N, C-alpha and C. Protein backbone atom coordinates (compact mmCIF):
# COMPACT_ATOMS: atom_id res chain seq x y z
N UNK A 1 93.23 87.28 58.26
CA UNK A 1 94.97 86.94 58.14
C UNK A 1 95.09 85.53 57.93
N UNK A 2 96.10 85.20 57.20
CA UNK A 2 96.49 83.66 56.87
C UNK A 2 97.29 83.03 58.15
N UNK A 3 97.36 81.77 58.25
CA UNK A 3 98.28 81.27 59.33
C UNK A 3 99.82 81.86 59.27
N UNK A 4 100.04 82.06 58.21
CA UNK A 4 101.58 82.25 57.90
C UNK A 4 101.97 83.66 58.64
N UNK A 5 100.87 84.68 58.16
CA UNK A 5 100.98 85.96 58.83
C UNK A 5 100.79 85.66 60.32
N UNK A 6 99.76 85.15 61.12
CA UNK A 6 99.52 85.07 62.39
C UNK A 6 100.68 84.44 63.11
N UNK A 7 101.62 83.55 62.47
CA UNK A 7 102.74 82.76 63.23
C UNK A 7 103.75 83.77 63.34
N UNK A 8 103.77 84.86 62.38
CA UNK A 8 104.89 85.87 62.10
C UNK A 8 104.74 86.92 63.08
N UNK A 9 103.28 86.94 63.67
CA UNK A 9 103.02 88.35 64.75
C UNK A 9 103.22 87.47 65.89
N UNK A 10 103.25 86.66 66.29
CA UNK A 10 103.60 85.77 67.95
C UNK A 10 104.99 86.29 68.41
N UNK A 11 104.68 86.93 69.48
CA UNK A 11 106.10 86.94 70.13
C UNK A 11 106.28 85.64 70.97
N UNK A 12 107.66 85.07 71.17
CA UNK A 12 107.97 84.18 71.69
C UNK A 12 108.77 84.55 73.13
N UNK A 13 108.11 84.66 74.45
CA UNK A 13 108.53 85.36 75.27
C UNK A 13 109.27 84.32 76.35
N UNK A 14 110.42 84.57 76.79
CA UNK A 14 111.15 83.51 77.85
C UNK A 14 111.28 84.21 78.84
N UNK A 15 110.56 83.33 80.29
CA UNK A 15 110.46 83.77 81.46
C UNK A 15 111.60 82.82 82.36
N UNK A 16 112.65 83.41 82.65
CA UNK A 16 113.56 82.79 83.21
C UNK A 16 113.29 82.25 84.89
N UNK A 17 113.76 81.12 85.29
CA UNK A 17 112.96 80.73 86.52
C UNK A 17 113.26 81.98 87.81
N UNK A 18 114.76 82.46 87.66
CA UNK A 18 114.93 83.38 88.89
C UNK A 18 113.87 84.63 88.69
N UNK A 19 113.82 84.93 87.52
CA UNK A 19 112.94 85.87 87.39
C UNK A 19 111.53 85.93 87.47
N UNK A 20 110.83 84.42 86.98
CA UNK A 20 109.55 84.36 87.41
C UNK A 20 109.25 84.38 88.98
N UNK A 21 110.28 83.99 89.98
CA UNK A 21 110.11 84.27 91.06
C UNK A 21 109.48 85.40 91.84
N UNK A 22 109.74 86.84 90.69
CA UNK A 22 109.72 87.76 91.39
C UNK A 22 110.30 88.58 92.62
N UNK A 23 109.82 89.83 92.73
CA UNK A 23 110.55 90.66 93.60
C UNK A 23 109.63 91.13 94.45
N UNK A 24 109.61 91.37 95.86
CA UNK A 24 108.84 91.96 96.54
C UNK A 24 108.96 93.33 96.74
N UNK A 25 108.01 94.53 96.60
CA UNK A 25 108.31 95.96 96.49
C UNK A 25 107.04 96.24 97.43
N UNK A 26 107.20 97.09 98.34
CA UNK A 26 105.98 97.76 98.89
C UNK A 26 106.28 99.55 98.69
N UNK A 27 106.72 100.07 97.88
CA UNK A 27 106.98 101.32 97.63
C UNK A 27 107.52 101.62 96.10
N UNK A 28 107.00 102.33 95.13
CA UNK A 28 107.82 102.54 94.08
C UNK A 28 107.82 104.16 93.92
N UNK A 29 108.82 104.26 93.60
CA UNK A 29 109.50 105.98 93.45
C UNK A 29 109.69 106.05 91.75
N UNK A 30 109.14 107.10 91.41
CA UNK A 30 108.94 107.30 89.97
C UNK A 30 109.79 108.73 89.56
N UNK A 31 110.45 108.60 88.86
CA UNK A 31 111.18 110.16 88.19
C UNK A 31 111.21 109.89 86.78
N UNK A 32 110.99 111.24 86.28
CA UNK A 32 111.16 111.20 84.75
C UNK A 32 112.20 112.35 84.62
N UNK A 33 112.57 112.07 83.11
CA UNK A 33 112.86 113.53 82.05
C UNK A 33 112.29 113.38 81.19
N UNK A 34 112.76 114.30 80.12
CA UNK A 34 112.10 114.47 79.28
C UNK A 34 111.98 113.36 78.33
N UNK A 35 113.25 112.13 78.40
CA UNK A 35 113.25 111.13 77.33
C UNK A 35 113.04 109.84 77.92
N UNK A 36 112.58 110.09 79.42
CA UNK A 36 112.58 108.45 80.08
C UNK A 36 111.77 108.74 81.36
N UNK A 37 111.33 107.62 82.07
CA UNK A 37 110.21 107.54 82.90
C UNK A 37 111.30 106.29 83.94
N UNK A 38 111.49 106.57 84.81
CA UNK A 38 112.04 105.44 85.98
C UNK A 38 111.48 105.36 86.99
N UNK A 39 111.46 103.99 87.36
CA UNK A 39 110.45 103.51 88.32
C UNK A 39 111.45 102.80 89.50
N UNK A 40 111.79 103.04 90.47
CA UNK A 40 112.41 102.12 91.32
C UNK A 40 111.49 101.68 92.41
N UNK A 41 111.73 100.30 92.08
CA UNK A 41 110.93 99.45 93.31
C UNK A 41 111.60 98.93 94.46
N UNK A 42 111.00 99.63 95.78
CA UNK A 42 111.68 99.69 96.78
C UNK A 42 111.01 98.37 98.01
N UNK A 43 111.90 97.96 98.70
CA UNK A 43 111.53 97.38 99.69
C UNK A 43 112.08 97.70 101.21
N UNK A 44 110.87 98.51 102.13
CA UNK A 44 111.24 99.16 103.23
C UNK A 44 110.54 97.83 104.56
N UNK A 45 111.33 97.69 105.30
CA UNK A 45 111.05 96.87 106.63
C UNK A 45 110.86 97.91 107.64
N UNK A 46 110.10 97.68 108.75
CA UNK A 46 109.35 98.36 109.88
C UNK A 46 110.74 98.63 110.67
N UNK A 47 110.96 99.65 111.19
CA UNK A 47 111.92 100.00 112.05
C UNK A 47 113.24 100.27 111.78
N UNK A 48 113.63 100.12 110.11
CA UNK A 48 115.01 100.40 109.52
C UNK A 48 114.83 101.57 108.85
N UNK A 49 115.54 102.22 109.24
CA UNK A 49 115.37 103.57 108.19
C UNK A 49 115.90 103.74 106.74
N UNK A 50 116.82 102.70 106.33
CA UNK A 50 117.65 102.38 105.31
C UNK A 50 116.55 101.46 104.61
N UNK A 51 116.23 101.97 103.18
CA UNK A 51 115.55 100.91 102.52
C UNK A 51 116.20 100.86 101.23
N UNK A 52 116.15 99.44 100.54
CA UNK A 52 116.93 99.04 99.42
C UNK A 52 115.98 99.26 98.21
N UNK A 53 116.60 99.59 97.12
CA UNK A 53 115.90 99.07 95.59
C UNK A 53 116.01 97.96 95.22
N UNK A 54 115.21 97.19 94.89
CA UNK A 54 115.12 95.87 94.81
C UNK A 54 115.24 95.59 93.04
N UNK A 55 114.83 96.83 92.62
CA UNK A 55 114.37 96.55 90.93
C UNK A 55 114.25 98.16 90.25
N UNK A 56 114.77 98.66 89.28
CA UNK A 56 114.80 99.58 88.53
C UNK A 56 114.23 99.02 87.25
N UNK A 57 113.02 99.91 86.81
CA UNK A 57 112.62 99.73 85.17
C UNK A 57 112.48 101.38 84.58
N UNK A 58 113.34 101.25 83.38
CA UNK A 58 113.53 102.46 82.81
C UNK A 58 112.52 102.48 81.54
N UNK A 59 111.47 103.33 81.02
CA UNK A 59 110.73 103.32 80.18
C UNK A 59 110.70 104.89 79.25
N UNK A 60 110.54 104.15 78.30
CA UNK A 60 110.24 105.33 77.48
C UNK A 60 109.11 106.45 77.58
N UNK A 61 108.36 107.88 77.61
CA UNK A 61 107.41 108.44 77.88
C UNK A 61 106.13 107.40 77.24
N UNK A 62 106.26 107.11 76.16
CA UNK A 62 105.04 106.55 75.53
C UNK A 62 104.83 105.02 76.01
N UNK A 63 105.92 104.11 76.52
CA UNK A 63 105.95 102.89 77.00
C UNK A 63 105.12 103.24 78.49
N UNK A 64 105.51 104.12 79.15
CA UNK A 64 104.95 104.86 80.60
C UNK A 64 103.56 104.81 80.02
N UNK A 65 103.07 105.58 79.50
CA UNK A 65 101.58 105.50 79.04
C UNK A 65 101.09 104.62 79.11
N UNK A 66 101.40 103.52 78.39
CA UNK A 66 101.00 102.54 77.58
C UNK A 66 100.83 101.42 78.79
N UNK A 67 101.65 101.59 79.85
CA UNK A 67 101.64 100.80 81.13
C UNK A 67 100.80 101.22 82.27
N UNK A 68 100.87 102.84 82.31
CA UNK A 68 99.52 103.75 82.92
C UNK A 68 98.15 102.68 82.30
N UNK A 69 97.81 102.97 81.15
CA UNK A 69 96.78 102.36 80.54
C UNK A 69 96.43 100.84 80.87
N UNK A 70 97.62 100.06 81.12
CA UNK A 70 97.28 98.94 81.21
C UNK A 70 96.97 98.43 82.71
N UNK A 71 97.84 99.05 83.70
CA UNK A 71 97.36 99.00 84.98
C UNK A 71 96.02 99.37 85.52
N UNK A 72 95.74 100.65 84.60
CA UNK A 72 94.31 101.34 84.99
C UNK A 72 93.03 100.02 84.47
N UNK A 73 93.31 99.54 83.24
CA UNK A 73 92.36 98.36 82.62
C UNK A 73 92.54 97.10 83.55
N UNK A 74 93.72 96.49 84.19
CA UNK A 74 93.57 95.53 85.12
C UNK A 74 93.34 95.80 86.60
N UNK A 75 93.44 97.20 87.03
CA UNK A 75 92.60 97.16 88.11
C UNK A 75 91.02 97.30 88.11
N UNK A 76 90.46 97.84 86.96
CA UNK A 76 89.09 97.91 86.66
C UNK A 76 88.77 96.47 86.92
N UNK A 77 89.52 95.29 85.94
CA UNK A 77 88.94 93.95 85.83
C UNK A 77 89.36 93.67 87.07
N UNK A 78 90.10 93.87 87.92
CA UNK A 78 90.32 92.89 89.46
C UNK A 78 89.15 93.58 90.16
N UNK A 79 88.71 94.75 90.19
CA UNK A 79 87.64 95.32 90.67
C UNK A 79 85.93 94.87 90.47
N UNK A 80 86.33 94.44 89.16
CA UNK A 80 84.95 93.97 88.88
C UNK A 80 84.67 92.61 89.60
N UNK A 81 85.91 91.71 89.54
CA UNK A 81 85.73 90.46 90.15
C UNK A 81 85.74 90.39 91.53
N UNK A 82 86.45 91.32 92.30
CA UNK A 82 86.89 91.05 93.67
C UNK A 82 86.04 92.30 94.75
N UNK A 83 85.61 93.48 94.03
CA UNK A 83 85.08 94.47 94.67
C UNK A 83 86.19 95.69 94.65
N UNK A 84 85.85 96.96 95.17
CA UNK A 84 86.79 97.96 94.99
C UNK A 84 87.85 97.71 96.12
N UNK A 85 88.94 98.23 95.39
CA UNK A 85 89.80 98.59 96.26
C UNK A 85 89.78 99.58 97.25
N UNK A 86 90.03 99.64 98.28
CA UNK A 86 90.24 100.78 99.07
C UNK A 86 91.50 101.61 99.06
N UNK A 87 91.30 102.76 99.04
CA UNK A 87 92.70 103.49 98.73
C UNK A 87 93.28 104.11 100.57
N UNK A 88 94.35 103.74 101.02
CA UNK A 88 94.60 103.98 102.23
C UNK A 88 95.15 105.41 102.05
N UNK A 89 95.70 105.84 102.86
CA UNK A 89 96.28 107.12 102.87
C UNK A 89 97.66 107.18 102.22
N UNK A 90 97.62 107.63 101.03
CA UNK A 90 98.51 107.73 99.82
C UNK A 90 99.70 108.30 100.29
N UNK A 91 99.41 109.28 101.27
CA UNK A 91 100.64 110.44 101.62
C UNK A 91 101.56 109.68 102.66
N UNK A 92 100.89 108.64 103.68
CA UNK A 92 101.51 107.65 104.65
C UNK A 92 102.38 106.41 104.11
N UNK A 93 103.61 106.49 104.59
CA UNK A 93 104.00 105.29 104.69
C UNK A 93 103.32 104.03 104.70
N UNK A 94 103.49 102.73 104.42
CA UNK A 94 102.94 101.51 105.02
C UNK A 94 103.02 101.34 106.32
N UNK A 95 103.96 101.68 106.94
CA UNK A 95 104.22 101.43 108.47
C UNK A 95 104.84 102.50 109.45
N UNK A 96 104.94 102.44 110.36
CA UNK A 96 105.85 103.39 111.06
C UNK A 96 107.30 102.96 110.84
N UNK A 97 107.88 103.64 109.99
CA UNK A 97 109.33 103.20 109.89
C UNK A 97 110.57 103.85 111.03
N UNK A 98 110.18 104.59 111.36
CA UNK A 98 111.34 105.27 112.28
C UNK A 98 110.60 104.88 113.79
N UNK A 99 109.62 104.22 114.24
CA UNK A 99 108.89 103.97 115.13
C UNK A 99 109.94 103.14 116.03
N UNK A 100 109.16 102.82 117.60
CA UNK A 100 109.96 101.52 118.19
C UNK A 100 109.95 100.07 117.66
N UNK A 101 110.92 99.63 117.70
CA UNK A 101 110.97 98.31 117.34
C UNK A 101 109.87 97.43 117.86
N UNK A 102 109.25 96.43 117.44
CA UNK A 102 108.11 95.15 117.99
C UNK A 102 108.89 94.49 119.27
N UNK A 103 108.32 94.36 120.37
CA UNK A 103 108.64 93.48 121.28
C UNK A 103 107.84 92.54 121.30
N UNK A 104 108.28 91.08 121.73
CA UNK A 104 107.74 90.26 122.24
C UNK A 104 107.75 89.57 123.57
């Protein structure tokens, strides 16, 4: 590939400062239709029964499958460097959402 073709194939991606900070999420809810996958990233807090969607990503089914493959590849790379990730009980919430509030 000549240098002119290589420079035409580069993608210039801008990352605004407010987006670069990221958004914390400890729950993802995935729904889909025939034409799209919707991933809602939620932030839950202990003792608070109402959670808030912090970000929503809408993907085509093809892009959802590419995301799945990219995540699988990155988890494999992570585990090869840091050891196997232990899968906690996937059917349980990360903490007791509706239990008593902690006291100091």
